[in-house]
Protein backbone atom coordinates (compact mmCIF):
# COMPACT_ATOMS: atom_id res chain seq x y z
CA MET A 1 0.00 0.00 0.00
CA PRO A 2 1.60 3.34 -1.03
CA GLU A 3 1.93 5.52 2.05
CA LEU A 4 0.61 8.64 0.36
CA THR A 5 -2.48 6.80 -0.95
CA ALA A 6 -3.25 5.45 2.53
CA GLN A 7 -2.77 8.86 4.16
CA VAL A 8 -4.94 10.78 1.70
CA ALA A 9 -7.70 8.12 1.49
CA ARG A 10 -8.03 7.88 5.28
CA ALA A 11 -8.17 11.63 5.59
CA VAL A 12 -10.94 11.83 3.01
CA ALA A 13 -12.86 8.93 4.61
CA ALA A 14 -12.64 10.41 8.11
CA ARG A 15 -15.93 12.24 7.56
CA GLY A 16 -19.02 10.26 6.70
CA PRO A 17 -19.56 6.49 6.36
CA TYR A 18 -16.36 4.52 5.93
CA PRO A 19 -16.26 3.16 2.34
CA LEU A 20 -16.90 -0.52 1.76
CA ALA A 21 -13.82 -0.92 -0.43
CA MET A 22 -11.52 0.48 2.27
CA ARG A 23 -13.15 -1.60 4.99
CA VAL A 24 -12.53 -4.77 2.97
CA ARG A 25 -8.86 -3.88 2.56
CA ASP A 26 -8.47 -3.08 6.28
CA GLU A 27 -10.17 -6.25 7.51
CA LEU A 28 -9.20 -8.84 4.88
CA GLY A 29 -6.00 -7.43 3.40
CA GLU A 30 -5.14 -8.62 -0.09
CA LEU A 31 -8.16 -10.87 -0.49
CA PHE A 32 -7.47 -12.04 -4.05
CA ALA A 33 -3.84 -12.96 -4.66
CA ASP A 34 -2.56 -12.94 -8.25
CA ALA A 35 -1.16 -16.46 -7.87
CA GLU A 36 -4.66 -17.86 -7.46
CA PHE A 37 -5.51 -16.79 -11.03
CA ALA A 38 -2.16 -17.64 -12.61
CA GLU A 39 -3.47 -20.47 -14.80
CA ALA A 40 -5.74 -18.05 -16.68
CA PHE A 41 -2.92 -15.68 -17.57
CA GLY A 42 0.25 -16.19 -19.59
CA THR A 43 3.79 -15.59 -18.37
CA ARG A 44 5.00 -14.04 -21.61
CA GLY A 45 4.05 -10.86 -23.42
CA ARG A 46 3.28 -7.37 -22.31
CA PRO A 47 2.44 -7.08 -18.58
CA GLY A 48 -1.25 -6.64 -17.90
CA TRP A 49 -3.31 -5.57 -14.95
CA SER A 50 -3.21 -7.64 -11.76
CA PRO A 51 -5.92 -10.37 -11.90
CA GLY A 52 -6.35 -10.12 -8.15
CA GLN A 53 -7.08 -6.41 -8.46
CA LEU A 54 -9.48 -7.05 -11.34
CA ALA A 55 -11.29 -9.64 -9.20
CA LEU A 56 -11.78 -7.11 -6.40
CA VAL A 57 -12.97 -4.45 -8.85
CA THR A 58 -15.48 -6.95 -10.27
CA VAL A 59 -16.81 -7.81 -6.81
CA LEU A 60 -17.22 -4.14 -5.89
CA GLN A 61 -18.84 -3.59 -9.27
CA PHE A 62 -21.57 -6.07 -8.31
CA ALA A 63 -21.93 -4.41 -4.90
CA GLU A 64 -22.58 -0.99 -6.46
CA ASN A 65 -24.00 -2.12 -9.83
CA PRO A 66 -22.10 0.20 -12.25
CA THR A 67 -21.30 -0.66 -15.87
CA ASP A 68 -17.81 -1.74 -16.91
CA ARG A 69 -17.09 1.78 -18.14
CA ALA A 70 -18.32 3.33 -14.88
CA ALA A 71 -16.27 0.83 -12.83
CA ALA A 72 -13.12 1.69 -14.78
CA HIS A 73 -13.88 5.38 -14.19
CA ARG A 74 -14.22 4.73 -10.44
CA VAL A 75 -10.82 3.05 -10.36
CA ARG A 76 -9.30 6.04 -12.13
CA TYR A 77 -10.85 8.70 -9.88
CA GLY A 78 -12.13 6.95 -6.73
CA MET A 79 -9.87 7.38 -3.71
CA ASP A 80 -11.46 4.43 -1.91
CA LEU A 81 -10.73 2.06 -4.80
CA LYS A 82 -7.14 3.25 -5.11
CA TYR A 83 -6.79 2.46 -1.39
CA ALA A 84 -8.44 -0.96 -1.72
CA LEU A 85 -6.31 -1.86 -4.75
CA GLY A 86 -3.08 -0.45 -3.34
CA LEU A 87 -2.55 1.97 -6.25
CA GLU A 88 -0.54 5.17 -6.46
CA LEU A 89 -2.60 8.33 -6.57
CA ASP A 90 -1.53 9.02 -10.16
CA ASP A 91 -2.26 5.49 -11.42
CA PRO A 92 -4.30 5.88 -14.67
CA GLY A 93 -6.28 2.68 -14.15
CA PHE A 94 -7.32 0.50 -17.07
CA ASP A 95 -9.59 0.44 -20.09
CA ALA A 96 -13.13 -0.80 -19.48
CA SER A 97 -12.68 -3.68 -21.96
CA VAL A 98 -10.19 -5.29 -19.56
CA LEU A 99 -13.05 -6.31 -17.24
CA SER A 100 -14.86 -8.17 -20.03
CA GLU A 101 -11.65 -9.96 -21.01
CA PHE A 102 -11.02 -10.87 -17.37
CA ARG A 103 -14.44 -12.49 -17.03
CA ALA A 104 -13.95 -14.40 -20.29
CA ARG A 105 -10.62 -15.74 -19.05
CA LEU A 106 -12.15 -16.95 -15.79
CA VAL A 107 -14.88 -18.80 -17.65
CA GLU A 108 -12.45 -20.25 -20.20
CA HIS A 109 -10.23 -21.70 -17.46
CA GLY A 110 -13.03 -22.87 -15.14
CA LEU A 111 -12.31 -20.33 -12.39
CA GLU A 112 -15.88 -19.15 -11.88
CA GLU A 113 -15.89 -20.26 -8.22
CA LYS A 114 -12.45 -18.88 -7.34
CA GLY A 115 -13.63 -15.56 -5.87
CA LEU A 116 -16.11 -17.19 -3.47
CA ASP A 117 -13.59 -19.89 -2.53
CA LEU A 118 -10.96 -17.31 -1.58
CA LEU A 119 -13.40 -15.26 0.49
CA LEU A 120 -14.72 -18.31 2.35
CA THR A 121 -11.17 -19.46 3.06
CA ALA A 122 -10.35 -16.06 4.57
CA LEU A 123 -13.53 -16.13 6.66
CA LYS A 124 -12.82 -19.67 7.88
CA ASP A 125 -9.40 -18.49 9.07
CA ARG A 126 -11.19 -15.78 11.08
CA CYS A 127 -13.79 -18.19 12.50
CA LEU A 128 -16.63 -16.39 10.74
CA VAL A 129 -17.84 -19.50 8.92
CA LYS A 130 -17.21 -23.17 9.57
CA ALA A 131 -18.49 -26.65 8.91
CA GLY A 132 -21.30 -27.82 11.17
CA GLY A 133 -24.09 -25.66 12.50
CA LYS A 134 -27.05 -24.64 10.38
CA GLN A 135 -27.44 -23.65 6.75
CA ARG A 136 -30.44 -23.01 4.53
CA THR A 137 -30.91 -23.18 0.77
CA ASP A 138 -33.52 -22.01 -1.69
CA SER A 139 -33.78 -21.39 -5.41
CA THR A 140 -35.25 -18.71 -7.62
CA ARG A 141 -35.65 -18.08 -11.32
CA VAL A 142 -33.21 -16.05 -13.42
CA LEU A 143 -34.30 -14.47 -16.70
CA ALA A 144 -31.84 -14.94 -19.54
CA ALA A 145 -30.43 -11.87 -21.34
CA VAL A 146 -32.55 -12.67 -24.39
CA ARG A 147 -36.16 -12.14 -25.43
CA ASP A 148 -38.89 -14.67 -24.81
CA LEU A 149 -39.72 -16.23 -28.17
CA ASN A 150 -42.61 -18.46 -29.18
CA ARG A 151 -41.99 -21.19 -31.74
CA LEU A 152 -42.81 -18.97 -34.72
CA GLU A 153 -40.53 -16.19 -33.49
CA LEU A 154 -37.78 -18.67 -32.64
CA ALA A 155 -37.78 -20.06 -36.17
CA GLY A 156 -37.76 -16.64 -37.83
CA GLU A 157 -35.07 -15.14 -35.57
CA THR A 158 -32.85 -18.24 -35.80
CA LEU A 159 -32.93 -18.13 -39.59
CA ARG A 160 -32.31 -14.38 -39.58
CA ALA A 161 -29.29 -14.82 -37.26
CA ALA A 162 -27.85 -17.52 -39.56
CA LEU A 163 -28.24 -15.28 -42.60
CA GLU A 164 -26.57 -12.40 -40.75
CA ALA A 165 -23.62 -14.62 -39.87
CA LEU A 166 -23.26 -15.80 -43.48
CA ALA A 167 -23.58 -12.26 -44.82
CA CYS A 168 -20.58 -11.29 -42.70
CA ALA A 169 -18.51 -14.45 -43.20
CA ALA A 170 -19.20 -15.31 -46.87
CA PRO A 171 -21.25 -12.59 -48.62
CA ASP A 172 -20.29 -13.67 -52.14
CA TRP A 173 -21.24 -17.27 -51.51
CA LEU A 174 -24.56 -16.23 -49.91
CA ALA A 175 -25.49 -14.04 -52.88
CA LYS A 176 -25.24 -17.08 -55.18
CA ALA A 177 -26.85 -19.59 -52.81
CA VAL A 178 -30.17 -17.90 -51.93
CA PRO A 179 -32.51 -15.26 -53.41
CA VAL A 180 -31.00 -12.39 -51.43
CA ARG A 181 -33.44 -9.67 -52.48
CA GLU A 182 -36.53 -11.69 -51.58
CA TRP A 183 -35.06 -12.98 -48.35
CA ALA A 184 -33.76 -9.55 -47.34
CA GLU A 185 -37.32 -8.24 -47.28
CA ARG A 186 -38.42 -11.20 -45.19
CA TYR A 187 -35.52 -11.55 -42.75
CA ASP A 188 -33.88 -8.14 -42.53
CA PRO A 189 -36.00 -6.78 -39.62
CA ARG A 190 -35.66 -8.44 -36.23
CA ILE A 191 -38.58 -10.61 -35.30
CA HIS A 192 -39.67 -8.34 -32.43
CA SER A 193 -39.82 -5.21 -34.63
CA TRP A 194 -43.11 -6.16 -36.30
CA HIS A 195 -46.34 -7.94 -35.38
CA PRO A 196 -47.04 -11.43 -36.77
CA PRO A 197 -50.38 -12.05 -38.49
CA ALA A 198 -53.40 -12.29 -36.23
CA SER A 199 -54.87 -15.19 -38.19
CA GLU A 200 -53.90 -18.66 -37.01
CA ALA A 201 -53.88 -19.90 -40.61
CA LYS A 202 -51.50 -17.13 -41.72
CA ARG A 203 -49.17 -17.79 -38.79
CA ALA A 204 -49.11 -21.48 -39.67
CA GLU A 205 -48.28 -20.63 -43.29
CA MET A 206 -45.53 -18.26 -42.16
CA ALA A 207 -44.03 -21.03 -40.00
CA LEU A 208 -43.94 -23.34 -43.04
CA VAL A 209 -42.29 -20.61 -45.14
CA TYR A 210 -39.62 -20.28 -42.48
CA GLY A 211 -39.23 -24.07 -42.45
CA ARG A 212 -38.80 -24.36 -46.22
CA ASP A 213 -36.32 -21.46 -46.33
CA GLY A 214 -34.33 -22.94 -43.47
CA PHE A 215 -34.02 -26.32 -45.16
CA THR A 216 -33.02 -24.57 -48.40
CA LEU A 217 -30.21 -22.76 -46.60
CA LEU A 218 -29.05 -25.90 -44.77
CA GLU A 219 -28.94 -27.86 -48.03
CA ALA A 220 -26.88 -25.10 -49.65
CA VAL A 221 -24.43 -24.99 -46.75
CA HIS A 222 -23.99 -28.78 -46.72
CA ALA A 223 -23.72 -29.08 -50.51
CA PRO A 224 -20.46 -30.74 -51.74
CA HIS A 225 -19.25 -27.58 -53.46
CA ALA A 226 -19.92 -25.29 -50.44
CA PRO A 227 -16.95 -24.34 -48.24
CA ALA A 228 -16.79 -26.85 -45.41
CA TRP A 229 -16.08 -24.21 -42.80
CA LEU A 230 -19.48 -22.59 -43.32
CA ARG A 231 -21.29 -25.42 -41.58
CA GLU A 232 -19.00 -24.95 -38.57
CA LEU A 233 -20.32 -21.44 -37.89
CA SER A 234 -22.14 -21.45 -34.55
CA ALA A 235 -25.21 -19.72 -36.04
CA LEU A 236 -25.52 -22.51 -38.65
CA GLN A 237 -25.19 -25.20 -36.02
CA VAL A 238 -27.93 -23.53 -33.99
CA LEU A 239 -30.10 -23.31 -37.11
CA ARG A 240 -29.67 -27.03 -37.77
CA THR A 241 -30.58 -27.90 -34.16
CA VAL A 242 -33.65 -25.65 -34.08
CA TRP A 243 -34.88 -27.09 -37.38
CA LEU A 244 -34.41 -30.67 -36.20
CA GLN A 245 -36.40 -29.86 -33.07
CA ASN A 246 -39.24 -27.97 -34.77
CA TYR A 247 -39.61 -29.31 -38.34
CA HIS A 248 -39.48 -32.54 -40.29
CA ARG A 249 -39.76 -33.47 -43.97
CA THR A 250 -41.81 -36.22 -45.54
CA MET A 251 -41.94 -37.62 -49.08
CA THR A 252 -45.29 -37.23 -50.81
CA GLY A 253 -44.89 -38.93 -54.16
CA THR A 254 -41.97 -37.21 -55.85
CA ALA A 255 -42.12 -34.04 -53.74
CA VAL A 256 -40.69 -33.27 -50.31
CA GLU A 257 -43.16 -31.68 -47.91
CA VAL A 258 -42.01 -29.62 -44.93
CA LYS A 259 -44.15 -30.01 -41.82
CA ARG A 260 -44.04 -28.41 -38.42
CA ARG A 261 -43.75 -30.76 -35.46
CA GLU A 262 -46.81 -31.03 -33.27
CA SER A 263 -46.48 -30.39 -29.54
CA GLY A 264 -46.41 -34.11 -28.78
CA ASP A 265 -43.53 -34.62 -31.20
CA LEU A 266 -41.25 -31.97 -29.72
CA PRO A 267 -38.09 -32.95 -27.80
CA PRO A 268 -38.05 -32.70 -23.98
CA GLY A 269 -37.81 -29.18 -22.59
CA ARG A 270 -34.33 -29.87 -21.21
CA LEU A 271 -33.03 -30.32 -24.78
CA ARG A 272 -35.11 -27.73 -26.61
CA LEU A 273 -33.40 -24.46 -27.53
CA ALA A 274 -35.25 -21.31 -26.48
CA SER A 275 -33.13 -18.67 -28.26
CA PRO A 276 -30.54 -18.57 -31.06
CA TYR A 277 -28.43 -16.19 -28.98
CA ASP A 278 -28.24 -18.15 -25.72
CA THR A 279 -28.18 -21.88 -26.35
CA ASP A 280 -27.98 -22.69 -22.62
CA ALA A 281 -31.25 -20.94 -21.71
CA ARG A 282 -34.33 -23.11 -21.36
CA TYR A 283 -38.05 -22.67 -20.75
CA GLY A 284 -38.84 -23.09 -17.06
CA LEU A 285 -41.95 -23.39 -14.89
CA LYS A 286 -42.11 -22.82 -11.15
CA GLN A 287 -45.15 -22.03 -9.03
CA GLY A 288 -47.21 -21.29 -12.11
CA SER A 289 -44.73 -18.83 -13.64
CA TRP A 290 -43.07 -19.45 -17.01
CA TRP A 291 -39.73 -17.90 -17.92
CA THR A 292 -36.78 -18.37 -20.25
CA GLY A 293 -33.40 -18.71 -18.58
CA TYR A 294 -31.90 -20.33 -15.52
CA LYS A 295 -32.29 -21.16 -11.83
CA ILE A 296 -29.98 -20.23 -9.00
CA HIS A 297 -29.63 -22.09 -5.68
CA ILE A 298 -28.31 -19.99 -2.79
CA SER A 299 -26.99 -21.56 0.42
CA GLU A 300 -26.12 -19.51 3.50
CA SER A 301 -25.22 -20.02 7.13
CA CYS A 302 -27.95 -19.31 9.68
CA ASP A 303 -26.44 -19.86 13.14
CA ASP A 304 -28.09 -17.25 15.32
CA THR A 305 -27.04 -17.89 18.92
CA ALA A 306 -23.79 -17.97 20.85
CA ASP A 307 -24.31 -21.71 21.38
CA ASP A 308 -24.56 -22.25 17.62
CA LEU A 309 -21.45 -20.18 17.01
CA GLU A 310 -19.43 -21.98 19.68
CA ARG A 311 -20.44 -25.34 18.23
CA VAL A 312 -19.22 -24.56 14.72
CA THR A 313 -16.00 -22.67 15.50
CA ASP A 314 -12.66 -23.36 17.12
CA CYS A 315 -12.55 -19.92 18.73
CA GLY A 316 -13.51 -21.02 22.21
CA THR A 317 -16.41 -19.72 24.22
CA VAL A 318 -18.33 -16.88 22.63
CA PRO A 319 -19.51 -14.15 25.04
CA ALA A 320 -23.26 -13.82 25.25
CA ASP A 321 -23.17 -10.11 24.33
CA VAL A 322 -21.23 -10.69 21.10
CA GLU A 323 -23.25 -10.48 17.92
CA PRO A 324 -23.07 -13.74 15.95
CA PRO A 325 -21.46 -13.40 12.51
CA PRO A 326 -23.63 -12.28 9.62
CA ARG A 327 -25.31 -14.81 7.37
CA ILE A 328 -22.56 -15.85 4.97
CA ILE A 329 -23.45 -17.22 1.55
CA THR A 330 -21.55 -20.50 1.36
CA ASN A 331 -22.54 -21.87 -2.04
CA ILE A 332 -24.00 -20.84 -5.38
CA ALA A 333 -25.31 -23.32 -7.95
CA THR A 334 -26.65 -22.22 -11.33
CA THR A 335 -28.58 -24.53 -13.65
CA ASP A 336 -30.83 -24.21 -16.64
CA ALA A 337 -34.49 -23.60 -15.89
CA THR A 338 -35.57 -27.23 -16.35
CA VAL A 339 -33.49 -28.72 -13.51
CA THR A 340 -35.66 -29.45 -10.47
CA ASP A 341 -34.70 -28.61 -6.92
CA ALA A 342 -34.60 -32.30 -5.95
CA GLU A 343 -32.01 -32.96 -8.66
CA MET A 344 -29.72 -30.39 -7.04
CA THR A 345 -29.93 -31.61 -3.43
CA GLU A 346 -27.01 -34.02 -3.69
CA PRO A 347 -24.81 -31.81 -5.96
CA ILE A 348 -25.19 -28.90 -3.53
CA HIS A 349 -23.90 -31.07 -0.69
CA HIS A 350 -20.99 -32.22 -2.83
CA MET A 351 -20.09 -28.57 -3.45
CA LEU A 352 -20.32 -27.76 0.26
CA ALA A 353 -18.20 -30.80 1.08
CA ALA A 354 -15.53 -29.66 -1.39
CA ARG A 355 -15.33 -26.37 0.56
CA ASP A 356 -15.36 -28.20 3.92
CA LEU A 357 -18.53 -26.32 4.84
CA LEU A 358 -21.09 -29.07 5.29
CA PRO A 359 -23.68 -28.13 7.92
CA ALA A 360 -25.02 -30.38 10.63
CA GLU A 361 -28.56 -29.28 9.80
CA HIS A 362 -29.69 -28.12 6.37
CA TYR A 363 -33.02 -26.29 6.09
CA LEU A 364 -34.80 -26.76 2.74
CA ASP A 365 -38.27 -26.34 1.32
CA SER A 366 -40.37 -29.27 0.14
CA GLY A 367 -39.01 -29.13 -3.42
CA TYR A 368 -35.61 -30.54 -2.42
CA PRO A 369 -36.19 -33.74 -0.41
CA SER A 370 -37.32 -37.26 -1.04
CA ALA A 371 -37.10 -40.30 1.17
CA GLU A 372 -34.04 -41.47 -0.77
CA LEU A 373 -32.32 -38.10 -0.36
CA ILE A 374 -33.11 -37.78 3.36
CA VAL A 375 -31.49 -41.17 3.98
CA GLY A 376 -28.71 -40.78 1.39
CA VAL A 377 -27.56 -37.30 2.47
CA LYS A 378 -27.46 -38.39 6.13
CA LYS A 379 -25.45 -41.50 5.25
CA THR A 380 -23.05 -39.90 2.77
CA PHE A 381 -22.51 -36.45 4.27
CA GLY A 382 -23.77 -36.74 7.85
CA VAL A 383 -26.21 -33.89 7.27
CA ALA A 384 -29.75 -33.86 8.64
CA LEU A 385 -32.24 -32.39 6.19
CA ILE A 386 -34.76 -30.23 8.06
CA THR A 387 -37.51 -30.09 5.50
CA PRO A 388 -41.18 -30.90 5.08
CA VAL A 389 -42.01 -33.94 3.00
CA LEU A 390 -45.10 -34.60 0.94
CA LEU A 391 -47.98 -35.93 2.98
CA ASN A 392 -49.61 -39.30 2.48
CA SER A 393 -51.66 -39.07 -0.72
CA SER A 394 -53.96 -42.05 -0.14
CA PRO A 395 -57.72 -41.36 -0.38
CA GLN A 396 -58.12 -41.98 3.35
CA ALA A 397 -55.32 -39.54 4.26
CA ARG A 398 -56.62 -36.87 1.88
CA ALA A 399 -60.13 -37.18 3.28
CA GLY A 400 -58.91 -37.21 6.88
CA ALA A 401 -61.22 -40.14 7.60
CA GLY A 402 -60.84 -43.88 7.60
CA PHE A 403 -57.68 -45.93 7.92
CA ASP A 404 -54.64 -44.61 6.05
CA ARG A 405 -51.31 -46.45 5.91
CA THR A 406 -50.21 -45.28 9.37
CA ALA A 407 -53.13 -47.18 10.92
CA PHE A 408 -51.45 -50.44 9.88
CA THR A 409 -48.66 -52.04 11.88
CA ILE A 410 -45.74 -53.12 9.69
CA ASP A 411 -43.59 -56.05 10.83
CA TRP A 412 -40.59 -55.77 8.52
CA ASN A 413 -38.91 -58.89 9.84
CA LYS A 414 -41.95 -61.09 9.28
CA ARG A 415 -42.81 -59.18 6.03
CA GLN A 416 -46.34 -58.71 7.24
CA ALA A 417 -48.85 -55.89 7.85
CA THR A 418 -51.58 -55.92 10.49
CA CYS A 419 -54.75 -53.89 9.99
CA PRO A 420 -56.55 -51.95 12.77
CA ARG A 421 -58.94 -54.90 13.20
CA GLY A 422 -56.02 -57.28 13.85
CA ASN A 423 -56.08 -59.10 10.50
CA THR A 424 -52.74 -59.80 8.82
CA SER A 425 -51.69 -59.49 5.20
CA THR A 426 -51.32 -62.53 2.94
CA TRP A 427 -49.23 -60.94 0.18
CA TRP A 428 -45.85 -59.17 0.42
CA SER A 429 -44.12 -58.63 -2.91
CA PRO A 430 -41.25 -56.34 -4.03
CA ALA A 431 -42.17 -54.32 -7.12
CA THR A 432 -41.19 -51.35 -9.25
CA GLN A 433 -43.56 -48.41 -9.39
CA ARG A 434 -42.83 -45.45 -11.69
CA GLY A 435 -39.22 -46.54 -11.91
CA THR A 436 -38.63 -46.80 -8.14
CA LYS A 437 -38.45 -49.79 -5.84
CA ALA A 438 -41.55 -50.50 -3.78
CA ILE A 439 -43.26 -53.23 -1.75
CA VAL A 440 -46.87 -54.17 -2.43
CA VAL A 441 -48.80 -55.57 0.54
CA LYS A 442 -52.27 -57.08 0.18
CA LEU A 443 -54.88 -58.39 2.57
CA ASP A 444 -57.04 -61.28 1.44
CA LYS A 445 -60.44 -60.33 0.02
CA ALA A 446 -62.02 -63.07 2.11
CA THR A 447 -60.83 -61.24 5.21
CA CYS A 448 -61.78 -57.74 4.04
CA GLY A 449 -65.13 -58.71 2.49
CA PRO A 450 -67.18 -59.19 5.68
CA CYS A 451 -65.26 -56.54 7.70
CA PRO A 452 -67.74 -54.08 9.29
CA VAL A 453 -65.39 -51.09 8.68
CA ARG A 454 -64.56 -52.00 5.11
CA ASP A 455 -65.91 -48.67 3.77
CA GLN A 456 -63.39 -46.81 5.94
CA CYS A 457 -60.49 -48.89 4.65
CA THR A 458 -60.79 -49.47 0.90
CA ARG A 459 -62.79 -48.30 -2.08
CA SER A 460 -62.44 -51.64 -3.84
CA LYS A 461 -65.79 -53.39 -4.32
CA THR A 462 -64.38 -56.90 -4.62
CA GLY A 463 -60.73 -57.03 -3.51
CA GLY A 464 -58.99 -56.56 -0.19
CA ARG A 465 -56.92 -53.62 1.05
CA THR A 466 -53.64 -52.94 -0.75
CA LEU A 467 -50.68 -50.97 0.65
CA SER A 468 -47.68 -49.61 -1.23
CA LEU A 469 -44.52 -49.24 0.85
CA GLN A 470 -41.03 -48.03 0.09
CA PRO A 471 -38.01 -50.08 1.18
CA ARG A 472 -37.68 -50.21 4.96
CA ALA A 473 -35.04 -47.50 5.51
CA LEU A 474 -36.83 -45.07 3.22
CA GLN A 475 -40.30 -45.78 4.58
CA GLU A 476 -39.19 -45.37 8.19
CA ALA A 477 -37.42 -42.08 7.35
CA LEU A 478 -40.53 -40.85 5.55
CA ASP A 479 -42.83 -41.83 8.42
CA ASP A 480 -40.53 -40.14 10.93
CA ALA A 481 -40.36 -36.93 8.88
CA ARG A 482 -44.14 -36.81 8.52
CA ALA A 483 -44.60 -37.34 12.23
CA GLN A 484 -42.12 -34.58 13.10
CA GLN A 485 -43.54 -31.95 10.78
CA SER A 486 -46.92 -32.14 12.48
CA ASN A 487 -45.25 -31.06 15.74
CA GLU A 488 -45.44 -27.37 16.72
CA GLN A 489 -41.89 -27.44 18.08
CA TRP A 490 -40.60 -28.70 14.72
CA ARG A 491 -42.56 -26.00 12.89
CA ALA A 492 -41.03 -23.30 15.05
CA LYS A 493 -37.58 -24.72 14.36
CA TYR A 494 -38.27 -24.91 10.64
CA GLY A 495 -39.09 -21.20 10.65
CA THR A 496 -35.33 -20.65 10.38
CA ARG A 497 -35.58 -21.49 6.68
CA ALA A 498 -37.73 -18.44 5.90
CA GLY A 499 -34.75 -16.09 6.19
CA VAL A 500 -33.28 -17.29 2.91
CA GLU A 501 -36.21 -15.62 1.15
CA GLY A 502 -34.84 -12.31 2.38
CA THR A 503 -31.42 -13.19 0.99
CA ILE A 504 -32.94 -13.83 -2.42
CA HIS A 505 -34.75 -10.50 -2.31
CA GLN A 506 -31.56 -8.74 -1.25
CA ALA A 507 -29.68 -10.37 -4.12
CA VAL A 508 -32.32 -9.18 -6.56
CA ALA A 509 -32.48 -5.65 -5.12
CA VAL A 510 -28.73 -5.07 -4.77
CA THR A 511 -27.10 -7.05 -7.58
CA GLY A 512 -29.97 -7.44 -10.04
CA MET A 513 -29.69 -11.21 -9.87
CA ARG A 514 -33.16 -11.76 -11.32
CA ARG A 515 -31.96 -10.80 -14.81
CA ALA A 516 -28.77 -12.28 -16.25
CA ARG A 517 -26.24 -9.73 -17.48
CA TYR A 518 -24.45 -12.16 -19.76
CA ARG A 519 -25.40 -14.96 -22.13
CA GLY A 520 -24.59 -18.61 -21.51
CA LEU A 521 -24.65 -20.73 -18.38
CA PRO A 522 -20.91 -20.38 -17.48
CA LYS A 523 -20.97 -16.56 -17.59
CA THR A 524 -24.30 -16.42 -15.78
CA HIS A 525 -22.87 -18.63 -13.03
CA LEU A 526 -19.81 -16.35 -12.84
CA GLU A 527 -22.16 -13.40 -12.38
CA HIS A 528 -23.96 -15.20 -9.56
CA VAL A 529 -20.72 -16.10 -7.78
CA PHE A 530 -19.44 -12.52 -7.85
CA SER A 531 -22.87 -11.34 -6.69
CA ALA A 532 -22.64 -13.70 -3.71
CA VAL A 533 -19.15 -12.39 -2.83
CA ALA A 534 -20.47 -8.81 -3.04
CA LEU A 535 -23.42 -9.60 -0.75
CA ASN A 536 -21.11 -11.27 1.75
CA LEU A 537 -18.86 -8.19 1.84
CA ILE A 538 -21.85 -5.86 2.30
CA ARG A 539 -23.04 -7.97 5.25
CA LEU A 540 -19.55 -8.19 6.72
CA ASP A 541 -19.12 -4.42 6.40
CA ALA A 542 -22.29 -3.83 8.40
CA TRP A 543 -21.17 -6.37 11.00
CA TRP A 544 -17.71 -4.84 11.33
CA ASN A 545 -19.38 -1.47 11.87
CA GLY A 546 -21.47 -2.93 14.68
CA HIS A 547 -24.71 -2.67 12.70
CA PRO A 548 -25.41 -6.12 11.27
CA LEU A 549 -28.75 -4.97 9.84
CA ASP A 550 -27.45 -1.64 8.52
CA CYS A 551 -28.35 -1.29 4.85
CA SER A 552 -27.33 2.33 4.34
CA ARG A 553 -25.76 1.38 1.01
CA THR A 554 -28.98 -0.14 -0.27
CA SER A 555 -32.58 0.89 -0.79
CA HIS A 556 -35.29 0.78 1.88
CA LEU A 557 -36.60 -2.39 0.23
CA ALA A 558 -33.17 -4.00 0.51
CA ARG A 559 -33.08 -2.94 4.17
CA LEU A 560 -36.27 -4.92 4.77
CA ASP A 561 -34.83 -7.84 2.80
CA LEU A 562 -31.67 -7.93 4.89
CA ALA A 563 -33.74 -7.87 8.06
CA LEU A 564 -35.67 -10.88 6.76
CA ALA A 565 -32.42 -12.64 5.87
CA ALA A 566 -31.26 -12.31 9.45
């Protein structure tokens, strides 16, 4: 740190709130060392800007939400950033394009998680976060940095993008391959700049015109005399994929007829492209809302008492009057919009294990667990999932009357079930139901037929009662979870999970996490990781100042969000 920079910056910061950037430098020192990013940068050539400094600028950029150009301007003129970066007062800074290149290098070399890893390592050394204790996780939707397109718009815009790419890469070839004048009138304007026909018949005809033109272009590109490198253009590969997913051709006599695929003939949503400009974005549905883009899963610590803090740290006894550390975001997972929460339960724990930050208790909503996951996560990671499970869906349980499965006594050793009237089952058979292992248990119809409470037990007119069980370990875990979640004490404990909703709102309000800034899953994940680092620093700054719920750097809405997160 240059002495003059430190002296002038501290003098300027003496009046008013102490800047976040300077607080980070004072408390954490050189948080991002250049050596940690060495693999993304060469050792030969003209010296560039320090990757560690660029990482800190990027984090602070997400904390304050300026553009690349504005961030570069802040480095050039901002005293607090010169202090945080250890620059001389007359340092001219860097060009704004350096930040974009820095992000591209991180993605190219798989260093998206590096910033969060380095911060968590520094916080672990200071006993501000540790394995054990409590954590909570939730997900929310992220809108891709592209327009929502229906199938007609997707076809037209994909073909237009392919023609634009060919017009730049091989204009002479394109002029000979297609009727340029006719197609220019059809595909020159972007699809969102005009309104499609109102008539369903005209829209269907337009879709077929797009289909025929697309196949014409693909045939020209893949013709033997066409340059082979044309088909390697990314826009042409996207065109081919979109056409395979949305059109097919059939032979009718001697002619080839282009047809649009019906909804039942479309590929699964996880494979279907939603935009020619972001091939990682997918159509998603959650709680009745459709969107095009991604999902983010945010995990954070939620230890809120001195006892919790003492249990998860090696710092000895924590005085009762000491504020527990702020909620620290410990993991970020970004997926396309089609991936369900349950599919991410195990990967999230693998990511936490890699950071040595597995909790003892993990609070989740009902979208994450299953009986298999409750048992598997406890066995593999030693983590107890505190989460509601789906209730019994039998007719008796839904009606709240009669004898549901819990009214039967299961003897796993004898492979037998006993009904409330004391009759035992005569059939116990392993089976597979909807791709999962199950056990089917039946009572004899001769036993159930004359039973006086038959109407409360089964709706079958002729057969006996049938039960479907999961394998023993899973069924017992499921029964135990269902019994616990009906307890008021468990419900009060589970209330801890609600705070993560505030964290999501804070992320949206402060960093704009709801809308992706970049295109593609890797860059979107990079954005989310830097956003998480920025939120952690904002929370730490408030905690270091003795005001853990102070949101003076955010809006009033964000202040409410941070209070909820705590």
